[in-house]
Amino acid sequence: MTAPIDLYYWPTPNGWKVSIALEEMGLPYTTHLINLGKGDQFAPDFLKIAPNNRMPAILDPDGPDGKPMSVFESGAILQYLARKTGRFMGATERDRIAVEEWLMWQMGGLGPMAGQTHHFLKYAPEDIAYAKDRYRSETARLYGVLDRRLAEREYVAGDFYSIADMSIWGWASLWEGQEQSLEDKPHLARWLKQLWSRPALRRGRALQADLRGDRSDTWVQADLFPPT
């Protein structure tokens, strides 16, 4: 029997990427909570596997040489798991390049910009109009890019579901809290709903969901995402 992967996790969009991937790939895992509010990310033992003080991270007891392997950074973890299982990276080199492009787009663009939008709209101690407008506008631009991409293909990398979709979905699912609109982004709305129909994605999203203190992200609304 395959030994479970240790998942170091908190229920955030970055954490969801990995919990969703593990569920989609059918890999057993054990969850270790990294409470960001309590500073668990700075604990010495955690820093041994995540030197950047960020979750998620994993420890795979069955690494590529049969020895334990730790991986930090959500994008690197997704690539590692995709290589390990041979799934969700596409069938051809062109497919893999597209997956990597959109994974990097999320890591370098949507994640940081949407994250800053959340920060300045909800958590910043000062009301800084310039910062709110800047990050809200850039997030809107990125969603426009994504909507146009999805107008031409079923999933972000092509006609197949991939780790690129998994990486983007968590951030995009929080569009309402980012003060965005889907009224002019029908293809993005279609994609969000389509992915929500996947049981494994829902299981990954539900992992320790009760620990999220801000319930304004309860985006599964009857009008757009009816319960199934």
C-alpha atoms as a PDB file:
ATOM      1  CA  MET A   1       0.000   0.000   0.000  1.00  0.00           C
ATOM      2  CA  THR A   2       1.278   3.471  -0.891  1.00  0.00           C
ATOM      3  CA  ALA A   3       2.325   5.459   2.177  1.00  0.00           C
ATOM      4  CA  PRO A   4       0.319   8.660   2.564  1.00  0.00           C
ATOM      5  CA  ILE A   5       1.827  11.978   1.580  1.00  0.00           C
ATOM      6  CA  ASP A   6       2.118  14.510   4.395  1.00  0.00           C
ATOM      7  CA  LEU A   7       0.257  17.671   3.387  1.00  0.00           C
ATOM      8  CA  TYR A   8       1.079  20.857   5.291  1.00  0.00           C
ATOM      9  CA  TYR A   9      -1.981  22.955   4.736  1.00  0.00           C
ATOM     10  CA  TRP A  10      -4.372  25.747   5.624  1.00  0.00           C
ATOM     11  CA  PRO A  11      -7.669  26.320   3.753  1.00  0.00           C
ATOM     12  CA  THR A  12      -6.610  29.102   1.382  1.00  0.00           C
ATOM     13  CA  PRO A  13      -6.555  29.256  -2.423  1.00  0.00           C
ATOM     14  CA  ASN A  14      -2.924  28.120  -2.413  1.00  0.00           C
ATOM     15  CA  GLY A  15      -3.699  25.270  -0.049  1.00  0.00           C
ATOM     16  CA  TRP A  16      -6.690  24.200  -2.138  1.00  0.00           C
ATOM     17  CA  LYS A  17      -4.484  23.694  -5.181  1.00  0.00           C
ATOM     18  CA  VAL A  18      -2.723  20.790  -3.522  1.00  0.00           C
ATOM     19  CA  SER A  19      -5.671  19.298  -1.642  1.00  0.00           C
ATOM     20  CA  ILE A  20      -7.628  19.299  -4.920  1.00  0.00           C
ATOM     21  CA  ALA A  21      -4.721  17.710  -6.814  1.00  0.00           C
ATOM     22  CA  LEU A  22      -4.312  14.973  -4.211  1.00  0.00           C
ATOM     23  CA  GLU A  23      -8.031  14.212  -4.377  1.00  0.00           C
ATOM     24  CA  GLU A  24      -8.099  14.272  -8.177  1.00  0.00           C
ATOM     25  CA  MET A  25      -5.074  11.970  -8.372  1.00  0.00           C
ATOM     26  CA  GLY A  26      -6.403   9.573  -5.760  1.00  0.00           C
ATOM     27  CA  LEU A  27      -3.260   9.832  -3.646  1.00  0.00           C
ATOM     28  CA  PRO A  28      -3.564   9.086   0.080  1.00  0.00           C
ATOM     29  CA  TYR A  29      -2.482  11.925   2.322  1.00  0.00           C
ATOM     30  CA  THR A  30      -2.347  13.031   5.932  1.00  0.00           C
ATOM     31  CA  THR A  31      -3.189  16.648   6.684  1.00  0.00           C
ATOM     32  CA  HIS A  32      -1.020  18.724   9.013  1.00  0.00           C
ATOM     33  CA  LEU A  33      -2.548  22.112   9.704  1.00  0.00           C
ATOM     34  CA  ILE A  34      -0.320  25.179   9.460  1.00  0.00           C
ATOM     35  CA  ASN A  35      -2.295  27.854  11.271  1.00  0.00           C
ATOM     36  CA  LEU A  36      -1.174  31.070   9.608  1.00  0.00           C
ATOM     37  CA  GLY A  37      -2.816  33.248  12.229  1.00  0.00           C
ATOM     38  CA  LYS A  38      -0.797  31.580  14.986  1.00  0.00           C
ATOM     39  CA  GLY A  39       2.474  31.712  13.049  1.00  0.00           C
ATOM     40  CA  ASP A  40       2.886  27.960  12.535  1.00  0.00           C
ATOM     41  CA  GLN A  41       4.619  28.706   9.235  1.00  0.00           C
ATOM     42  CA  PHE A  42       7.647  29.966  11.192  1.00  0.00           C
ATOM     43  CA  ALA A  43       8.106  26.831  13.273  1.00  0.00           C
ATOM     44  CA  PRO A  44      11.641  25.369  12.892  1.00  0.00           C
ATOM     45  CA  ASP A  45      10.375  21.916  11.906  1.00  0.00           C
ATOM     46  CA  PHE A  46       8.186  23.381   9.163  1.00  0.00           C
ATOM     47  CA  LEU A  47      11.030  25.540   7.860  1.00  0.00           C
ATOM     48  CA  LYS A  48      13.030  22.394   7.177  1.00  0.00           C
ATOM     49  CA  ILE A  49      10.619  21.587   4.327  1.00  0.00           C
ATOM     50  CA  ALA A  50       9.315  25.082   3.502  1.00  0.00           C
ATOM     51  CA  PRO A  51      12.195  27.559   3.850  1.00  0.00           C
ATOM     52  CA  ASN A  52      10.089  30.450   2.503  1.00  0.00           C
ATOM     53  CA  ASN A  53       7.725  30.345   5.519  1.00  0.00           C
ATOM     54  CA  ARG A  54       4.740  29.551   3.309  1.00  0.00           C
ATOM     55  CA  MET A  55       2.324  26.718   2.983  1.00  0.00           C
ATOM     56  CA  PRO A  56       1.399  24.450   1.288  1.00  0.00           C
ATOM     57  CA  ALA A  57       4.228  21.972   1.365  1.00  0.00           C
ATOM     58  CA  ILE A  58       4.368  18.215   1.127  1.00  0.00           C
ATOM     59  CA  LEU A  59       6.589  15.398   2.322  1.00  0.00           C
ATOM     60  CA  ASP A  60       6.363  12.336   0.096  1.00  0.00           C
ATOM     61  CA  PRO A  61       7.765   9.250   1.861  1.00  0.00           C
ATOM     62  CA  ASP A  62       8.067   7.569  -1.526  1.00  0.00           C
ATOM     63  CA  GLY A  63      10.177  10.057  -3.449  1.00  0.00           C
ATOM     64  CA  PRO A  64      11.597   9.567  -6.955  1.00  0.00           C
ATOM     65  CA  ASP A  65      14.547   7.515  -5.615  1.00  0.00           C
ATOM     66  CA  GLY A  66      12.482   5.651  -3.056  1.00  0.00           C
ATOM     67  CA  LYS A  67      13.516   8.046  -0.304  1.00  0.00           C
ATOM     68  CA  PRO A  68      11.422  10.801   1.330  1.00  0.00           C
ATOM     69  CA  MET A  69      11.088  13.964  -0.750  1.00  0.00           C
ATOM     70  CA  SER A  70       9.854  17.329   0.483  1.00  0.00           C
ATOM     71  CA  VAL A  71       8.484  19.956  -1.923  1.00  0.00           C
ATOM     72  CA  PHE A  72       7.444  23.543  -1.235  1.00  0.00           C
ATOM     73  CA  GLU A  73       5.721  26.143  -3.459  1.00  0.00           C
ATOM     74  CA  SER A  74       2.284  25.163  -4.720  1.00  0.00           C
ATOM     75  CA  GLY A  75       3.191  25.232  -8.415  1.00  0.00           C
ATOM     76  CA  ALA A  76       6.219  23.018  -7.865  1.00  0.00           C
ATOM     77  CA  ILE A  77       4.090  20.622  -5.827  1.00  0.00           C
ATOM     78  CA  LEU A  78       1.504  20.376  -8.617  1.00  0.00           C
ATOM     79  CA  GLN A  79       4.215  19.627 -11.175  1.00  0.00           C
ATOM     80  CA  TYR A  80       5.796  17.047  -8.881  1.00  0.00           C
ATOM     81  CA  LEU A  81       2.497  15.251  -8.297  1.00  0.00           C
ATOM     82  CA  ALA A  82       1.639  15.342 -12.004  1.00  0.00           C
ATOM     83  CA  ARG A  83       4.985  13.742 -12.864  1.00  0.00           C
ATOM     84  CA  LYS A  84       4.608  11.216 -10.063  1.00  0.00           C
ATOM     85  CA  THR A  85       1.217  10.045 -11.312  1.00  0.00           C
ATOM     86  CA  GLY A  86       1.594  10.784 -15.022  1.00  0.00           C
ATOM     87  CA  ARG A  87      -1.721  12.626 -14.940  1.00  0.00           C
ATOM     88  CA  PHE A  88      -3.147  16.093 -15.592  1.00  0.00           C
ATOM     89  CA  MET A  89      -0.251  17.403 -17.697  1.00  0.00           C
ATOM     90  CA  GLY A  90      -1.612  16.530 -21.141  1.00  0.00           C
ATOM     91  CA  ALA A  91      -0.594  13.867 -23.626  1.00  0.00           C
ATOM     92  CA  THR A  92       1.854  15.760 -25.840  1.00  0.00           C
ATOM     93  CA  GLU A  93       4.739  18.174 -25.444  1.00  0.00           C
ATOM     94  CA  ARG A  94       2.553  20.971 -26.788  1.00  0.00           C
ATOM     95  CA  ASP A  95      -0.021  20.126 -24.123  1.00  0.00           C
ATOM     96  CA  ARG A  96       2.617  20.222 -21.413  1.00  0.00           C
ATOM     97  CA  ILE A  97       3.927  23.571 -22.584  1.00  0.00           C
ATOM     98  CA  ALA A  98       0.398  25.026 -22.446  1.00  0.00           C
ATOM     99  CA  VAL A  99      -0.100  23.633 -18.944  1.00  0.00           C
ATOM    100  CA  GLU A 100       3.176  25.153 -17.778  1.00  0.00           C
ATOM    101  CA  GLU A 101       2.344  28.512 -19.372  1.00  0.00           C
ATOM    102  CA  TRP A 102      -0.958  28.797 -17.538  1.00  0.00           C
ATOM    103  CA  LEU A 103       0.437  27.434 -14.310  1.00  0.00           C
ATOM    104  CA  MET A 104       3.100  30.162 -14.426  1.00  0.00           C
ATOM    105  CA  TRP A 105       0.398  32.707 -15.344  1.00  0.00           C
ATOM    106  CA  GLN A 106      -1.402  31.849 -12.146  1.00  0.00           C
ATOM    107  CA  MET A 107       1.730  31.785  -9.996  1.00  0.00           C
ATOM    108  CA  GLY A 108       3.124  35.055 -11.305  1.00  0.00           C
ATOM    109  CA  GLY A 109      -0.085  36.912 -12.109  1.00  0.00           C
ATOM    110  CA  LEU A 110      -3.496  35.939 -10.822  1.00  0.00           C
ATOM    111  CA  GLY A 111      -2.407  34.617  -7.425  1.00  0.00           C
ATOM    112  CA  PRO A 112      -0.327  37.641  -6.390  1.00  0.00           C
ATOM    113  CA  MET A 113      -2.729  40.206  -7.854  1.00  0.00           C
ATOM    114  CA  ALA A 114      -5.895  38.638  -6.437  1.00  0.00           C
ATOM    115  CA  GLY A 115      -4.103  38.146  -3.131  1.00  0.00           C
ATOM    116  CA  GLN A 116      -3.202  41.819  -2.951  1.00  0.00           C
ATOM    117  CA  THR A 117      -6.763  42.696  -3.892  1.00  0.00           C
ATOM    118  CA  HIS A 118      -8.064  40.660  -0.956  1.00  0.00           C
ATOM    119  CA  HIS A 119      -5.508  42.260   1.354  1.00  0.00           C
ATOM    120  CA  PHE A 120      -6.251  45.872   0.526  1.00  0.00           C
ATOM    121  CA  LEU A 121     -10.031  45.397   0.320  1.00  0.00           C
ATOM    122  CA  LYS A 122     -10.390  43.385   3.535  1.00  0.00           C
ATOM    123  CA  TYR A 123      -7.368  43.398   5.794  1.00  0.00           C
ATOM    124  CA  ALA A 124      -5.158  46.457   5.300  1.00  0.00           C
ATOM    125  CA  PRO A 125      -5.151  48.653   8.442  1.00  0.00           C
ATOM    126  CA  GLU A 126      -5.474  51.780   6.286  1.00  0.00           C
ATOM    127  CA  ASP A 127      -7.966  52.530   3.521  1.00  0.00           C
ATOM    128  CA  ILE A 128      -5.676  53.144   0.539  1.00  0.00           C
ATOM    129  CA  ALA A 129      -7.798  53.932  -2.498  1.00  0.00           C
ATOM    130  CA  TYR A 130      -4.873  53.789  -4.932  1.00  0.00           C
ATOM    131  CA  ALA A 131      -3.909  50.268  -3.854  1.00  0.00           C
ATOM    132  CA  LYS A 132      -7.507  49.055  -3.993  1.00  0.00           C
ATOM    133  CA  ASP A 133      -8.015  50.436  -7.487  1.00  0.00           C
ATOM    134  CA  ARG A 134      -4.660  49.197  -8.766  1.00  0.00           C
ATOM    135  CA  TYR A 135      -5.033  45.582  -7.676  1.00  0.00           C
ATOM    136  CA  ARG A 136      -8.760  45.370  -8.366  1.00  0.00           C
ATOM    137  CA  SER A 137      -8.164  46.648 -11.910  1.00  0.00           C
ATOM    138  CA  GLU A 138      -5.267  44.296 -12.581  1.00  0.00           C
ATOM    139  CA  THR A 139      -7.285  41.344 -11.279  1.00  0.00           C
ATOM    140  CA  ALA A 140     -10.113  42.345 -13.628  1.00  0.00           C
ATOM    141  CA  ARG A 141      -7.670  42.483 -16.536  1.00  0.00           C
ATOM    142  CA  LEU A 142      -6.393  38.997 -15.732  1.00  0.00           C
ATOM    143  CA  TYR A 143      -9.930  37.610 -15.561  1.00  0.00           C
ATOM    144  CA  GLY A 144     -10.529  39.132 -18.975  1.00  0.00           C
ATOM    145  CA  VAL A 145      -7.468  37.256 -20.269  1.00  0.00           C
ATOM    146  CA  LEU A 146      -8.803  34.049 -18.763  1.00  0.00           C
ATOM    147  CA  ASP A 147     -12.309  34.549 -20.145  1.00  0.00           C
ATOM    148  CA  ARG A 148     -10.960  35.084 -23.660  1.00  0.00           C
ATOM    149  CA  ARG A 149      -8.822  31.976 -23.356  1.00  0.00           C
ATOM    150  CA  LEU A 150     -11.795  29.894 -22.223  1.00  0.00           C
ATOM    151  CA  ALA A 151     -13.886  31.179 -25.123  1.00  0.00           C
ATOM    152  CA  GLU A 152     -11.736  29.048 -27.425  1.00  0.00           C
ATOM    153  CA  ARG A 153     -11.238  25.868 -25.365  1.00  0.00           C
ATOM    154  CA  GLU A 154     -12.940  23.869 -22.664  1.00  0.00           C
ATOM    155  CA  TYR A 155     -10.128  24.108 -20.133  1.00  0.00           C
ATOM    156  CA  VAL A 156      -7.289  26.588 -19.789  1.00  0.00           C
ATOM    157  CA  ALA A 157      -4.633  24.433 -21.490  1.00  0.00           C
ATOM    158  CA  GLY A 158      -6.895  22.890 -24.126  1.00  0.00           C
ATOM    159  CA  ASP A 159      -9.540  20.181 -24.250  1.00  0.00           C
ATOM    160  CA  PHE A 160      -8.212  18.404 -21.139  1.00  0.00           C
ATOM    161  CA  TYR A 161      -8.397  19.138 -17.410  1.00  0.00           C
ATOM    162  CA  SER A 162      -4.977  19.814 -15.909  1.00  0.00           C
ATOM    163  CA  ILE A 163      -3.031  21.092 -12.932  1.00  0.00           C
ATOM    164  CA  ALA A 164      -3.297  24.537 -14.541  1.00  0.00           C
ATOM    165  CA  ASP A 165      -7.061  24.471 -13.958  1.00  0.00           C
ATOM    166  CA  MET A 166      -6.502  23.282 -10.383  1.00  0.00           C
ATOM    167  CA  SER A 167      -4.084  26.122  -9.713  1.00  0.00           C
ATOM    168  CA  ILE A 168      -6.375  28.848 -11.060  1.00  0.00           C
ATOM    169  CA  TRP A 169      -9.734  27.666  -9.788  1.00  0.00           C
ATOM    170  CA  GLY A 170      -9.298  28.491  -6.105  1.00  0.00           C
ATOM    171  CA  TRP A 171      -8.408  32.116  -6.724  1.00  0.00           C
ATOM    172  CA  ALA A 172     -11.016  32.565  -9.449  1.00  0.00           C
ATOM    173  CA  SER A 173     -13.719  31.054  -7.255  1.00  0.00           C
ATOM    174  CA  LEU A 174     -13.314  34.034  -4.917  1.00  0.00           C
ATOM    175  CA  TRP A 175     -14.160  36.583  -7.626  1.00  0.00           C
ATOM    176  CA  GLU A 176     -16.953  38.149  -5.593  1.00  0.00           C
ATOM    177  CA  GLY A 177     -14.692  38.971  -2.643  1.00  0.00           C
ATOM    178  CA  GLN A 178     -12.284  40.571  -5.114  1.00  0.00           C
ATOM    179  CA  GLU A 179     -15.128  42.872  -6.230  1.00  0.00           C
ATOM    180  CA  GLN A 180     -15.209  41.377  -9.691  1.00  0.00           C
ATOM    181  CA  SER A 181     -18.112  40.566 -12.003  1.00  0.00           C
ATOM    182  CA  LEU A 182     -18.878  37.539 -14.129  1.00  0.00           C
ATOM    183  CA  GLU A 183     -21.666  39.214 -16.089  1.00  0.00           C
ATOM    184  CA  ASP A 184     -19.245  40.097 -18.878  1.00  0.00           C
ATOM    185  CA  LYS A 185     -17.216  36.882 -18.511  1.00  0.00           C
ATOM    186  CA  PRO A 186     -19.553  34.053 -19.533  1.00  0.00           C
ATOM    187  CA  HIS A 187     -16.757  31.630 -20.397  1.00  0.00           C
ATOM    188  CA  LEU A 188     -15.114  32.047 -17.003  1.00  0.00           C
ATOM    189  CA  ALA A 189     -18.498  31.534 -15.330  1.00  0.00           C
ATOM    190  CA  ARG A 190     -19.037  28.360 -17.377  1.00  0.00           C
ATOM    191  CA  TRP A 191     -15.616  27.029 -16.415  1.00  0.00           C
ATOM    192  CA  LEU A 192     -16.078  27.743 -12.708  1.00  0.00           C
ATOM    193  CA  LYS A 193     -19.374  25.898 -12.690  1.00  0.00           C
ATOM    194  CA  GLN A 194     -17.999  23.022 -14.762  1.00  0.00           C
ATOM    195  CA  LEU A 195     -15.097  22.460 -12.388  1.00  0.00           C
ATOM    196  CA  TRP A 196     -17.365  22.659  -9.354  1.00  0.00           C
ATOM    197  CA  SER A 197     -19.223  19.626 -10.742  1.00  0.00           C
ATOM    198  CA  ARG A 198     -16.111  17.495 -10.105  1.00  0.00           C
ATOM    199  CA  PRO A 199     -16.499  15.546  -6.826  1.00  0.00           C
ATOM    200  CA  ALA A 200     -12.751  15.429  -6.209  1.00  0.00           C
ATOM    201  CA  LEU A 201     -12.462  19.196  -6.553  1.00  0.00           C
ATOM    202  CA  ARG A 202     -15.288  19.674  -4.090  1.00  0.00           C
ATOM    203  CA  ARG A 203     -13.598  17.329  -1.621  1.00  0.00           C
ATOM    204  CA  GLY A 204     -10.322  19.214  -1.921  1.00  0.00           C
ATOM    205  CA  ARG A 205     -12.076  22.547  -1.473  1.00  0.00           C
ATOM    206  CA  ALA A 206     -13.943  21.250   1.574  1.00  0.00           C
ATOM    207  CA  LEU A 207     -10.829  20.161   3.465  1.00  0.00           C
ATOM    208  CA  GLN A 208     -10.957  21.941   6.837  1.00  0.00           C
ATOM    209  CA  ALA A 209     -13.236  24.590   5.331  1.00  0.00           C
ATOM    210  CA  ASP A 210     -14.678  25.290   8.781  1.00  0.00           C
ATOM    211  CA  LEU A 211     -11.375  26.906   9.772  1.00  0.00           C
ATOM    212  CA  ARG A 212     -11.801  29.816   7.359  1.00  0.00           C
ATOM    213  CA  GLY A 213     -12.737  32.764   9.531  1.00  0.00           C
ATOM    214  CA  ASP A 214     -13.977  34.979   6.716  1.00  0.00           C
ATOM    215  CA  ARG A 215     -17.222  33.497   5.468  1.00  0.00           C
ATOM    216  CA  SER A 216     -17.680  36.165   2.784  1.00  0.00           C
ATOM    217  CA  ASP A 217     -16.198  33.637   0.366  1.00  0.00           C
ATOM    218  CA  THR A 218     -19.260  31.377   0.448  1.00  0.00           C
ATOM    219  CA  TRP A 219     -19.446  31.680  -3.300  1.00  0.00           C
ATOM    220  CA  VAL A 220     -21.571  28.596  -3.896  1.00  0.00           C
ATOM    221  CA  GLN A 221     -24.640  30.660  -4.532  1.00  0.00           C
ATOM    222  CA  ALA A 222     -27.926  29.290  -5.793  1.00  0.00           C
ATOM    223  CA  ASP A 223     -27.949  31.575  -8.811  1.00  0.00           C
ATOM    224  CA  LEU A 224     -24.535  30.608 -10.181  1.00  0.00           C
ATOM    225  CA  PHE A 225     -23.456  27.420  -8.440  1.00  0.00           C
ATOM    226  CA  PRO A 226     -26.540  25.454  -7.432  1.00  0.00           C
ATOM    227  CA  PRO A 227     -25.820  22.658  -4.949  1.00  0.00           C
ATOM    228  CA  THR A 228     -25.530  19.192  -6.496  1.00  0.00           C
END
